[in-house]
Amino acid sequence: MSETRKSNAGITASETVDLRDTRKSNAGVTVNETAGVRDTRMSDAGVTVNETASMRQTRKYNTGVTVNNAADAGGTTVIAYKAELMRKAIHACSLSIPVIYFFISRELALSILTPLALFALAVDLTRYYHKPTAELFYKGFKWMLRSHELDENAKRLNGATNVLIAAALCVFIFPKLIFITAFTILIVSDSMAALIGRQWGRHKFFTKSLEGSLAFFLSAVAVVLIAATLQYATDEYGIAAQGYKIWIGIAGAALGTVVEALPWKVDDNLSIPFSVGATMWLLYSVSM
């Protein structure tokens, strides 16, 4: 009996040890499982964080796509409205070109505009090939340049350079009164179209907004009406002699409105004054 009791006690002790080991083992499993759950949670949290970061990047990317989709087909990407305001304020300074030209001769105007255009062209092209020039240039102007003006592959000129080139060429080609009309339309109407279209444009007109294009046309007509008061102050090619025909100016303004809205790859600073000037010059030539 005592042996049996000892044996049973040994078995009980062994079972107790086994139970303790089992509990420890289960506790270990539980701890491991708990740690595993924590790791999984941490992993899931990491995935969630990564997904959130990814979503943020996606939103930023989608925002960029939205902005890029607002660009016209000529590759001109929309910039911040504040930058657009500053860009147009600088653009408005170009109004000094037709104003000054009104009081001076073509020869003097060309002697001023040609060197300025060549200098701007040289700097604009050099920035693509000379790093110090690029760093200096972008330090001052990068914030208001459009994406196509920063494209290292396309190497397109910026708006200011195109304005000076257009001014020099248009002074050389067109009679003074036509130049004053066409170039003033570029400065005034293009700015009005951009600012009105960006702020209130809702309806599409070709690649631009109907509201912006309407602002372009109405301001261009206003320029034509003002230019009509200057017809006897300057006379080239008999325009003043036969009278400044307002309808010709309005026809030029209408074509300029369409040209500004079409998906041209030619910069507006070139296409607008040339289209308006050529239309007016052609119609004056036919009507003489």
Foldseek 3Di string as FASTA:
>chain_A
DVVVVVVVVVVVVVVVVVVVVVVVVVVVVVVVVVVVVVVVVVVVVVVVVVVVVVVVVVVVVVVVVVQQLLAFLLRFTDADLVLLVVVLVVLLVLLVLLVVPLVDDLVVSLVPLVVVLVVLVVLLQVLLPPVVSVVVVCVPPVNNFTPVSVDSVVSDGTPVSLLSVQSNVCSVPFDSLLLNLQNVLLSPLVSQLVNQQVPPFDDADASTGPRSLVSSLVVSLVSLVVSQVCLVSDDDPCCSVVGPDSVQSSVLSVVLSNQSRHRDNDDNSNVRSVSSSVSSVVVVVVVD
